[in-house]
Amino acid sequence: QGDDPIGTCRVNFEHQDYGKIERVAILEKFQH
């Protein structure tokens, strides 16, 4: 949000049949 990071996730495209969402994280003050 502007210059403030809120959250992140890692996306893994190495699997043949699906993409995998990993390491999902939202900073506490931005949760909910």
Full PDB file with SEQRES, HELIX, SHEET, SSBOND, CRYST1, ORIGX, SCALE, CONECT and MASTER records, all heavy atoms in Angstrom:
SEQRES   1 A   32  GLN GLY ASP ASP PRO ILE GLY THR CYS ARG VAL ASN PHE          
SEQRES   2 A   32  GLU HIS GLN ASP TYR GLY LYS ILE GLU ARG VAL ALA ILE          
SEQRES   3 A   32  LEU GLU LYS PHE GLN HIS                                      
HELIX    1 AA1 GLU A   28  PHE A   30  5                                   3    
SHEET    1 AA1 2 GLY A   7  ASN A  12  0                                        
SHEET    2 AA1 2 LYS A  20  ILE A  26 -1                                        
CRYST1    1.000    1.000    1.000  90.00  90.00  90.00 P 1           1          
ORIGX1      1.000000  0.000000  0.000000        0.00000                         
ORIGX2      0.000000  1.000000  0.000000        0.00000                         
ORIGX3      0.000000  0.000000  1.000000        0.00000                         
SCALE1      1.000000  0.000000  0.000000        0.00000                         
SCALE2      0.000000  1.000000  0.000000        0.00000                         
SCALE3      0.000000  0.000000  1.000000        0.00000                         
ATOM      1  N   GLN A   1       0.879  -1.161   0.000  1.00  0.00           N  
ATOM      2  CA  GLN A   1       0.000   0.000   0.000  1.00  0.00           C  
ATOM      3  C   GLN A   1       0.917   1.211   0.000  1.00  0.00           C  
ATOM      4  O   GLN A   1       1.528   1.529   1.034  1.00  0.00           O  
ATOM      5  CB  GLN A   1      -0.896  -0.033   1.228  1.00  0.00           C  
ATOM      6  CG  GLN A   1      -2.078   0.890   1.184  1.00  0.00           C  
ATOM      7  CD  GLN A   1      -3.032   0.578   2.320  1.00  0.00           C  
ATOM      8  OE1 GLN A   1      -2.626   0.544   3.473  1.00  0.00           O  
ATOM      9  NE2 GLN A   1      -4.281   0.347   1.989  1.00  0.00           N  
ATOM     10  N   GLY A   2       1.071   1.849  -1.151  1.00  0.00           N  
ATOM     11  CA  GLY A   2       2.072   2.905  -1.280  1.00  0.00           C  
ATOM     12  C   GLY A   2       3.444   2.306  -1.063  1.00  0.00           C  
ATOM     13  O   GLY A   2       3.810   1.321  -1.696  1.00  0.00           O  
ATOM     14  N   ASP A   3       4.209   2.880  -0.141  1.00  0.00           N  
ATOM     15  CA  ASP A   3       5.542   2.362   0.177  1.00  0.00           C  
ATOM     16  C   ASP A   3       5.530   1.330   1.304  1.00  0.00           C  
ATOM     17  O   ASP A   3       6.583   0.846   1.703  1.00  0.00           O  
ATOM     18  CB  ASP A   3       6.472   3.522   0.586  1.00  0.00           C  
ATOM     19  CG  ASP A   3       6.827   4.412  -0.588  1.00  0.00           C  
ATOM     20  OD1 ASP A   3       6.782   3.932  -1.737  1.00  0.00           O  
ATOM     21  OD2 ASP A   3       7.155   5.590  -0.356  1.00  0.00           O  
ATOM     22  N   ASP A   4       4.357   1.010   1.834  1.00  0.00           N  
ATOM     23  CA  ASP A   4       4.261   0.092   2.969  1.00  0.00           C  
ATOM     24  C   ASP A   4       3.993  -1.337   2.503  1.00  0.00           C  
ATOM     25  O   ASP A   4       2.956  -1.609   1.898  1.00  0.00           O  
ATOM     26  CB  ASP A   4       3.137   0.517   3.916  1.00  0.00           C  
ATOM     27  CG  ASP A   4       3.416   1.850   4.573  1.00  0.00           C  
ATOM     28  OD1 ASP A   4       4.595   2.126   4.877  1.00  0.00           O  
ATOM     29  OD2 ASP A   4       2.452   2.611   4.790  1.00  0.00           O  
ATOM     30  N   PRO A   5       4.908  -2.266   2.804  1.00  0.00           N  
ATOM     31  CA  PRO A   5       4.630  -3.665   2.500  1.00  0.00           C  
ATOM     32  C   PRO A   5       3.542  -4.198   3.421  1.00  0.00           C  
ATOM     33  O   PRO A   5       3.477  -3.838   4.597  1.00  0.00           O  
ATOM     34  CB  PRO A   5       5.970  -4.349   2.761  1.00  0.00           C  
ATOM     35  CG  PRO A   5       6.674  -3.483   3.739  1.00  0.00           C  
ATOM     36  CD  PRO A   5       6.202  -2.082   3.473  1.00  0.00           C  
ATOM     37  N   ILE A   6       2.662  -5.040   2.863  1.00  0.00           N  
ATOM     38  CA  ILE A   6       1.538  -5.589   3.614  1.00  0.00           C  
ATOM     39  C   ILE A   6       1.667  -7.097   3.771  1.00  0.00           C  
ATOM     40  O   ILE A   6       1.498  -7.635   4.854  1.00  0.00           O  
ATOM     41  CB  ILE A   6       0.211  -5.266   2.895  1.00  0.00           C  
ATOM     42  CG1 ILE A   6      -0.055  -3.767   2.926  1.00  0.00           C  
ATOM     43  CG2 ILE A   6      -0.947  -6.051   3.497  1.00  0.00           C  
ATOM     44  CD1 ILE A   6      -1.240  -3.345   2.092  1.00  0.00           C  
ATOM     45  N   GLY A   7       1.938  -7.767   2.644  1.00  0.00           N  
ATOM     46  CA  GLY A   7       1.972  -9.219   2.666  1.00  0.00           C  
ATOM     47  C   GLY A   7       2.722  -9.783   1.484  1.00  0.00           C  
ATOM     48  O   GLY A   7       3.057  -9.063   0.537  1.00  0.00           O  
ATOM     49  N   THR A   8       2.968 -11.077   1.552  1.00  0.00           N  
ATOM     50  CA  THR A   8       3.715 -11.740   0.486  1.00  0.00           C  
ATOM     51  C   THR A   8       3.355 -13.216   0.442  1.00  0.00           C  
ATOM     52  O   THR A   8       2.825 -13.778   1.407  1.00  0.00           O  
ATOM     53  CB  THR A   8       5.237 -11.581   0.687  1.00  0.00           C  
ATOM     54  OG1 THR A   8       5.909 -12.105  -0.460  1.00  0.00           O  
ATOM     55  CG2 THR A   8       5.721 -12.296   1.941  1.00  0.00           C  
ATOM     56  N   CYS A   9       3.648 -13.824  -0.680  1.00  0.00           N  
ATOM     57  CA  CYS A   9       3.605 -15.279  -0.792  1.00  0.00           C  
ATOM     58  C   CYS A   9       4.591 -15.694  -1.871  1.00  0.00           C  
ATOM     59  O   CYS A   9       4.985 -14.897  -2.723  1.00  0.00           O  
ATOM     60  CB  CYS A   9       2.207 -15.806  -1.087  1.00  0.00           C  
ATOM     61  SG  CYS A   9       1.540 -15.352  -2.684  1.00  0.00           S  
ATOM     62  N   ARG A  10       4.988 -16.942  -1.785  1.00  0.00           N  
ATOM     63  CA  ARG A  10       5.897 -17.525  -2.763  1.00  0.00           C  
ATOM     64  C   ARG A  10       5.041 -18.387  -3.683  1.00  0.00           C  
ATOM     65  O   ARG A  10       4.129 -19.069  -3.220  1.00  0.00           O  
ATOM     66  CB  ARG A  10       6.932 -18.354  -2.012  1.00  0.00           C  
ATOM     67  CG  ARG A  10       8.044 -18.890  -2.835  1.00  0.00           C  
ATOM     68  CD  ARG A  10       9.162 -19.382  -1.953  1.00  0.00           C  
ATOM     69  NE  ARG A  10       8.867 -20.691  -1.374  1.00  0.00           N  
ATOM     70  CZ  ARG A  10       9.705 -21.347  -0.575  1.00  0.00           C  
ATOM     71  NH1 ARG A  10      10.869 -20.822  -0.239  1.00  0.00           N  
ATOM     72  NH2 ARG A  10       9.386 -22.527  -0.106  1.00  0.00           N  
ATOM     73  N   VAL A  11       5.325 -18.340  -4.977  1.00  0.00           N  
ATOM     74  CA  VAL A  11       4.578 -19.137  -5.944  1.00  0.00           C  
ATOM     75  C   VAL A  11       5.550 -20.078  -6.641  1.00  0.00           C  
ATOM     76  O   VAL A  11       6.554 -19.647  -7.197  1.00  0.00           O  
ATOM     77  CB  VAL A  11       3.845 -18.243  -6.972  1.00  0.00           C  
ATOM     78  CG1 VAL A  11       2.961 -19.086  -7.878  1.00  0.00           C  
ATOM     79  CG2 VAL A  11       3.013 -17.175  -6.268  1.00  0.00           C  
ATOM     80  N   ASN A  12       5.226 -21.357  -6.583  1.00  0.00           N  
ATOM     81  CA  ASN A  12       6.091 -22.401  -7.120  1.00  0.00           C  
ATOM     82  C   ASN A  12       5.443 -22.955  -8.384  1.00  0.00           C  
ATOM     83  O   ASN A  12       4.338 -23.497  -8.338  1.00  0.00           O  
ATOM     84  CB  ASN A  12       6.258 -23.489  -6.050  1.00  0.00           C  
ATOM     85  CG  ASN A  12       7.153 -24.613  -6.465  1.00  0.00           C  
ATOM     86  OD1 ASN A  12       7.297 -24.918  -7.632  1.00  0.00           O  
ATOM     87  ND2 ASN A  12       7.735 -25.267  -5.480  1.00  0.00           N  
ATOM     88  N   PHE A  13       6.146 -22.830  -9.509  1.00  0.00           N  
ATOM     89  CA  PHE A  13       5.642 -23.303 -10.800  1.00  0.00           C  
ATOM     90  C   PHE A  13       6.318 -24.598 -11.243  1.00  0.00           C  
ATOM     91  O   PHE A  13       6.222 -24.982 -12.397  1.00  0.00           O  
ATOM     92  CB  PHE A  13       5.863 -22.232 -11.873  1.00  0.00           C  
ATOM     93  CG  PHE A  13       5.167 -20.935 -11.602  1.00  0.00           C  
ATOM     94  CD1 PHE A  13       5.894 -19.785 -11.348  1.00  0.00           C  
ATOM     95  CD2 PHE A  13       3.790 -20.851 -11.604  1.00  0.00           C  
ATOM     96  CE1 PHE A  13       5.269 -18.576 -11.100  1.00  0.00           C  
ATOM     97  CE2 PHE A  13       3.147 -19.651 -11.357  1.00  0.00           C  
ATOM     98  CZ  PHE A  13       3.884 -18.511 -11.109  1.00  0.00           C  
ATOM     99  N   GLU A  14       7.004 -25.270 -10.350  1.00  0.00           N  
ATOM    100  CA  GLU A  14       7.801 -26.445 -10.709  1.00  0.00           C  
ATOM    101  C   GLU A  14       6.992 -27.730 -10.873  1.00  0.00           C  
ATOM    102  O   GLU A  14       7.503 -28.702 -11.403  1.00  0.00           O  
ATOM    103  CB  GLU A  14       8.904 -26.671  -9.662  1.00  0.00           C  
ATOM    104  CG  GLU A  14       9.956 -25.581  -9.678  1.00  0.00           C  
ATOM    105  CD  GLU A  14      10.706 -25.491 -11.001  1.00  0.00           C  
ATOM    106  OE1 GLU A  14      11.178 -26.534 -11.482  1.00  0.00           O  
ATOM    107  OE2 GLU A  14      10.794 -24.383 -11.544  1.00  0.00           O  
ATOM    108  N   HIS A  15       5.768 -27.753 -10.397  1.00  0.00           N  
ATOM    109  CA  HIS A  15       4.952 -28.962 -10.503  1.00  0.00           C  
ATOM    110  C   HIS A  15       4.292 -29.015 -11.874  1.00  0.00           C  
ATOM    111  O   HIS A  15       3.946 -27.983 -12.459  1.00  0.00           O  
ATOM    112  CB  HIS A  15       3.906 -28.989  -9.387  1.00  0.00           C  
ATOM    113  CG  HIS A  15       4.515 -28.938  -8.023  1.00  0.00           C  
ATOM    114  ND1 HIS A  15       5.002 -30.056  -7.386  1.00  0.00           N  
ATOM    115  CD2 HIS A  15       4.744 -27.897  -7.191  1.00  0.00           C  
ATOM    116  CE1 HIS A  15       5.498 -29.705  -6.211  1.00  0.00           C  
ATOM    117  NE2 HIS A  15       5.352 -28.397  -6.070  1.00  0.00           N  
ATOM    118  N   GLN A  16       4.089 -30.197 -12.374  1.00  0.00           N  
ATOM    119  CA  GLN A  16       3.546 -30.362 -13.723  1.00  0.00           C  
ATOM    120  C   GLN A  16       2.066 -30.021 -13.809  1.00  0.00           C  
ATOM    121  O   GLN A  16       1.624 -29.428 -14.799  1.00  0.00           O  
ATOM    122  CB  GLN A  16       3.773 -31.795 -14.195  1.00  0.00           C  
ATOM    123  CG  GLN A  16       3.349 -32.038 -15.620  1.00  0.00           C  
ATOM    124  CD  GLN A  16       3.700 -33.442 -16.085  1.00  0.00           C  
ATOM    125  OE1 GLN A  16       4.329 -34.215 -15.378  1.00  0.00           O  
ATOM    126  NE2 GLN A  16       3.279 -33.761 -17.288  1.00  0.00           N  
ATOM    127  N   ASP A  17       1.302 -30.369 -12.774  1.00  0.00           N  
ATOM    128  CA  ASP A  17      -0.152 -30.273 -12.856  1.00  0.00           C  
ATOM    129  C   ASP A  17      -0.772 -29.102 -12.097  1.00  0.00           C  
ATOM    130  O   ASP A  17      -1.978 -28.913 -12.167  1.00  0.00           O  
ATOM    131  CB  ASP A  17      -0.779 -31.573 -12.340  1.00  0.00           C  
ATOM    132  CG  ASP A  17      -0.360 -32.772 -13.175  1.00  0.00           C  
ATOM    133  OD1 ASP A  17      -0.153 -32.613 -14.392  1.00  0.00           O  
ATOM    134  OD2 ASP A  17      -0.221 -33.869 -12.597  1.00  0.00           O  
ATOM    135  N   TYR A  18       0.039 -28.339 -11.362  1.00  0.00           N  
ATOM    136  CA  TYR A  18      -0.537 -27.259 -10.566  1.00  0.00           C  
ATOM    137  C   TYR A  18       0.539 -26.242 -10.190  1.00  0.00           C  
ATOM    138  O   TYR A  18       1.727 -26.533 -10.207  1.00  0.00           O  
ATOM    139  CB  TYR A  18      -1.200 -27.798  -9.292  1.00  0.00           C  
ATOM    140  CG  TYR A  18      -0.279 -28.582  -8.394  1.00  0.00           C  
ATOM    141  CD1 TYR A  18       0.494 -27.948  -7.417  1.00  0.00           C  
ATOM    142  CD2 TYR A  18      -0.161 -29.968  -8.508  1.00  0.00           C  
ATOM    143  CE1 TYR A  18       1.346 -28.657  -6.581  1.00  0.00           C  
ATOM    144  CE2 TYR A  18       0.676 -30.686  -7.673  1.00  0.00           C  
ATOM    145  CZ  TYR A  18       1.430 -30.031  -6.717  1.00  0.00           C  
ATOM    146  OH  TYR A  18       2.268 -30.736  -5.904  1.00  0.00           O  
ATOM    147  N   GLY A  19       0.077 -25.051  -9.837  1.00  0.00           N  
ATOM    148  CA  GLY A  19       0.940 -24.050  -9.221  1.00  0.00           C  
ATOM    149  C   GLY A  19       0.723 -24.122  -7.723  1.00  0.00           C  
ATOM    150  O   GLY A  19      -0.396 -24.381  -7.256  1.00  0.00           O  
ATOM    151  N   LYS A  20       1.772 -23.911  -6.954  1.00  0.00           N  
ATOM    152  CA  LYS A  20       1.679 -24.041  -5.503  1.00  0.00           C  
ATOM    153  C   LYS A  20       1.949 -22.701  -4.833  1.00  0.00           C  
ATOM    154  O   LYS A  20       2.957 -22.052  -5.113  1.00  0.00           O  
ATOM    155  CB  LYS A  20       2.668 -25.089  -4.987  1.00  0.00           C  
ATOM    156  CG  LYS A  20       2.494 -25.409  -3.524  1.00  0.00           C  
ATOM    157  CD  LYS A  20       3.262 -26.660  -3.147  1.00  0.00           C  
ATOM    158  CE  LYS A  20       2.972 -27.025  -1.717  1.00  0.00           C  
ATOM    159  NZ  LYS A  20       4.098 -26.857  -0.837  1.00  0.00           N  
ATOM    160  N   ILE A  21       1.051 -22.299  -3.965  1.00  0.00           N  
ATOM    161  CA  ILE A  21       1.187 -21.063  -3.208  1.00  0.00           C  
ATOM    162  C   ILE A  21       1.814 -21.427  -1.864  1.00  0.00           C  
ATOM    163  O   ILE A  21       1.294 -22.280  -1.144  1.00  0.00           O  
ATOM    164  CB  ILE A  21      -0.175 -20.373  -3.016  1.00  0.00           C  
ATOM    165  CG1 ILE A  21      -0.793 -20.066  -4.393  1.00  0.00           C  
ATOM    166  CG2 ILE A  21      -0.020 -19.103  -2.182  1.00  0.00           C  
ATOM    167  CD1 ILE A  21      -2.227 -19.586  -4.325  1.00  0.00           C  
ATOM    168  N   GLU A  22       2.917 -20.773  -1.551  1.00  0.00           N  
ATOM    169  CA  GLU A  22       3.688 -21.104  -0.354  1.00  0.00           C  
ATOM    170  C   GLU A  22       4.014 -19.841   0.439  1.00  0.00           C  
ATOM    171  O   GLU A  22       3.989 -18.735  -0.086  1.00  0.00           O  
ATOM    172  CB  GLU A  22       5.004 -21.787  -0.755  1.00  0.00           C  
ATOM    173  CG  GLU A  22       4.810 -22.998  -1.640  1.00  0.00           C  
ATOM    174  CD  GLU A  22       6.104 -23.546  -2.212  1.00  0.00           C  
ATOM    175  OE1 GLU A  22       7.090 -22.788  -2.339  1.00  0.00           O  
ATOM    176  OE2 GLU A  22       6.120 -24.733  -2.530  1.00  0.00           O  
ATOM    177  N   ARG A  23       4.383 -20.038   1.703  1.00  0.00           N  
ATOM    178  CA  ARG A  23       4.905 -18.974   2.559  1.00  0.00           C  
ATOM    179  C   ARG A  23       4.003 -17.727   2.577  1.00  0.00           C  
ATOM    180  O   ARG A  23       4.469 -16.601   2.486  1.00  0.00           O  
ATOM    181  CB  ARG A  23       6.314 -18.574   2.140  1.00  0.00           C  
ATOM    182  CG  ARG A  23       7.348 -19.685   2.116  1.00  0.00           C  
ATOM    183  CD  ARG A  23       7.621 -20.184   3.536  1.00  0.00           C  
ATOM    184  NE  ARG A  23       8.914 -20.812   3.688  1.00  0.00           N  
ATOM    185  CZ  ARG A  23       9.155 -22.112   3.586  1.00  0.00           C  
ATOM    186  NH1 ARG A  23       8.177 -22.942   3.284  1.00  0.00           N  
ATOM    187  NH2 ARG A  23      10.364 -22.587   3.763  1.00  0.00           N  
ATOM    188  N   VAL A  24       2.705 -17.941   2.699  1.00  0.00           N  
ATOM    189  CA  VAL A  24       1.745 -16.829   2.752  1.00  0.00           C  
ATOM    190  C   VAL A  24       1.927 -16.090   4.072  1.00  0.00           C  
ATOM    191  O   VAL A  24       1.957 -16.702   5.141  1.00  0.00           O  
ATOM    192  CB  VAL A  24       0.301 -17.350   2.622  1.00  0.00           C  
ATOM    193  CG1 VAL A  24      -0.699 -16.207   2.750  1.00  0.00           C  
ATOM    194  CG2 VAL A  24       0.119 -18.098   1.308  1.00  0.00           C  
ATOM    195  N   ALA A  25       2.053 -14.761   3.994  1.00  0.00           N  
ATOM    196  CA  ALA A  25       2.285 -13.970   5.202  1.00  0.00           C  
ATOM    197  C   ALA A  25       1.716 -12.560   5.038  1.00  0.00           C  
ATOM    198  O   ALA A  25       1.968 -11.903   4.035  1.00  0.00           O  
ATOM    199  CB  ALA A  25       3.783 -13.887   5.495  1.00  0.00           C  
ATOM    200  N   ILE A  26       0.971 -12.134   6.024  1.00  0.00           N  
ATOM    201  CA  ILE A  26       0.442 -10.762   6.109  1.00  0.00           C  
ATOM    202  C   ILE A  26       0.943 -10.188   7.433  1.00  0.00           C  
ATOM    203  O   ILE A  26       0.807 -10.832   8.484  1.00  0.00           O  
ATOM    204  CB  ILE A  26      -1.100 -10.737   6.083  1.00  0.00           C  
ATOM    205  CG1 ILE A  26      -1.656 -11.371   4.807  1.00  0.00           C  
ATOM    206  CG2 ILE A  26      -1.614  -9.305   6.260  1.00  0.00           C  
ATOM    207  CD1 ILE A  26      -1.435 -10.569   3.541  1.00  0.00           C  
ATOM    208  N   LEU A  27       1.522  -8.994   7.393  1.00  0.00           N  
ATOM    209  CA  LEU A  27       1.958  -8.356   8.633  1.00  0.00           C  
ATOM    210  C   LEU A  27       0.767  -8.209   9.577  1.00  0.00           C  
ATOM    211  O   LEU A  27      -0.354  -7.929   9.152  1.00  0.00           O  
ATOM    212  CB  LEU A  27       2.579  -6.988   8.347  1.00  0.00           C  
ATOM    213  CG  LEU A  27       3.932  -7.012   7.646  1.00  0.00           C  
ATOM    214  CD1 LEU A  27       4.350  -5.604   7.234  1.00  0.00           C  
ATOM    215  CD2 LEU A  27       4.998  -7.641   8.537  1.00  0.00           C  
ATOM    216  N   GLU A  28       1.024  -8.381  10.854  1.00  0.00           N  
ATOM    217  CA  GLU A  28      -0.045  -8.437  11.851  1.00  0.00           C  
ATOM    218  C   GLU A  28      -0.989  -7.236  11.796  1.00  0.00           C  
ATOM    219  O   GLU A  28      -2.205  -7.382  11.875  1.00  0.00           O  
ATOM    220  CB  GLU A  28       0.556  -8.572  13.250  1.00  0.00           C  
ATOM    221  CG  GLU A  28      -0.487  -8.797  14.308  1.00  0.00           C  
ATOM    222  CD  GLU A  28       0.111  -9.068  15.678  1.00  0.00           C  
ATOM    223  OE1 GLU A  28       1.339  -8.991  15.838  1.00  0.00           O  
ATOM    224  OE2 GLU A  28      -0.672  -9.360  16.584  1.00  0.00           O  
ATOM    225  N   LYS A  29      -0.457  -6.030  11.638  1.00  0.00           N  
ATOM    226  CA  LYS A  29      -1.323  -4.843  11.664  1.00  0.00           C  
ATOM    227  C   LYS A  29      -2.253  -4.746  10.453  1.00  0.00           C  
ATOM    228  O   LYS A  29      -3.188  -3.955  10.451  1.00  0.00           O  
ATOM    229  CB  LYS A  29      -0.493  -3.567  11.803  1.00  0.00           C  
ATOM    230  CG  LYS A  29       0.337  -3.195  10.593  1.00  0.00           C  
ATOM    231  CD  LYS A  29       1.111  -1.914  10.859  1.00  0.00           C  
ATOM    232  CE  LYS A  29       1.951  -1.496   9.680  1.00  0.00           C  
ATOM    233  NZ  LYS A  29       2.647  -0.239   9.928  1.00  0.00           N  
ATOM    234  N   PHE A  30      -2.015  -5.589   9.431  1.00  0.00           N  
ATOM    235  CA  PHE A  30      -2.857  -5.592   8.233  1.00  0.00           C  
ATOM    236  C   PHE A  30      -3.774  -6.816   8.162  1.00  0.00           C  
ATOM    237  O   PHE A  30      -4.536  -6.966   7.209  1.00  0.00           O  
ATOM    238  CB  PHE A  30      -1.987  -5.537   6.973  1.00  0.00           C  
ATOM    239  CG  PHE A  30      -1.237  -4.248   6.823  1.00  0.00           C  
ATOM    240  CD1 PHE A  30       0.133  -4.203   7.023  1.00  0.00           C  
ATOM    241  CD2 PHE A  30      -1.887  -3.072   6.474  1.00  0.00           C  
ATOM    242  CE1 PHE A  30       0.838  -3.022   6.884  1.00  0.00           C  
ATOM    243  CE2 PHE A  30      -1.191  -1.879   6.333  1.00  0.00           C  
ATOM    244  CZ  PHE A  30       0.171  -1.851   6.543  1.00  0.00           C  
ATOM    245  N   GLN A  31      -3.703  -7.690   9.157  1.00  0.00           N  
ATOM    246  CA  GLN A  31      -4.522  -8.897   9.132  1.00  0.00           C  
ATOM    247  C   GLN A  31      -5.992  -8.571   9.389  1.00  0.00           C  
ATOM    248  O   GLN A  31      -6.326  -7.562   9.991  1.00  0.00           O  
ATOM    249  CB  GLN A  31      -4.000  -9.900  10.156  1.00  0.00           C  
ATOM    250  CG  GLN A  31      -2.645 -10.456   9.757  1.00  0.00           C  
ATOM    251  CD  GLN A  31      -2.069 -11.426  10.769  1.00  0.00           C  
ATOM    252  OE1 GLN A  31      -2.690 -11.749  11.772  1.00  0.00           O  
ATOM    253  NE2 GLN A  31      -0.860 -11.896  10.500  1.00  0.00           N  
ATOM    254  N   HIS A  32      -6.869  -9.444   8.890  1.00  0.00           N  
ATOM    255  CA  HIS A  32      -8.319  -9.345   9.064  1.00  0.00           C  
ATOM    256  C   HIS A  32      -8.905  -8.097   8.393  1.00  0.00           C  
ATOM    257  O   HIS A  32      -9.883  -7.533   8.872  1.00  0.00           O  
ATOM    258  CB  HIS A  32      -8.701  -9.394  10.547  1.00  0.00           C  
ATOM    259  CG  HIS A  32      -8.120 -10.571  11.249  1.00  0.00           C  
ATOM    260  ND1 HIS A  32      -8.540 -11.866  11.037  1.00  0.00           N  
ATOM    261  CD2 HIS A  32      -7.093 -10.656  12.138  1.00  0.00           C  
ATOM    262  CE1 HIS A  32      -7.829 -12.683  11.766  1.00  0.00           C  
ATOM    263  NE2 HIS A  32      -6.938 -11.991  12.445  1.00  0.00           N  
TER     264      HIS A  32                                                      
MASTER        0    0    0    1    2    0    0    6  263    1    0    3          
END                                                                             
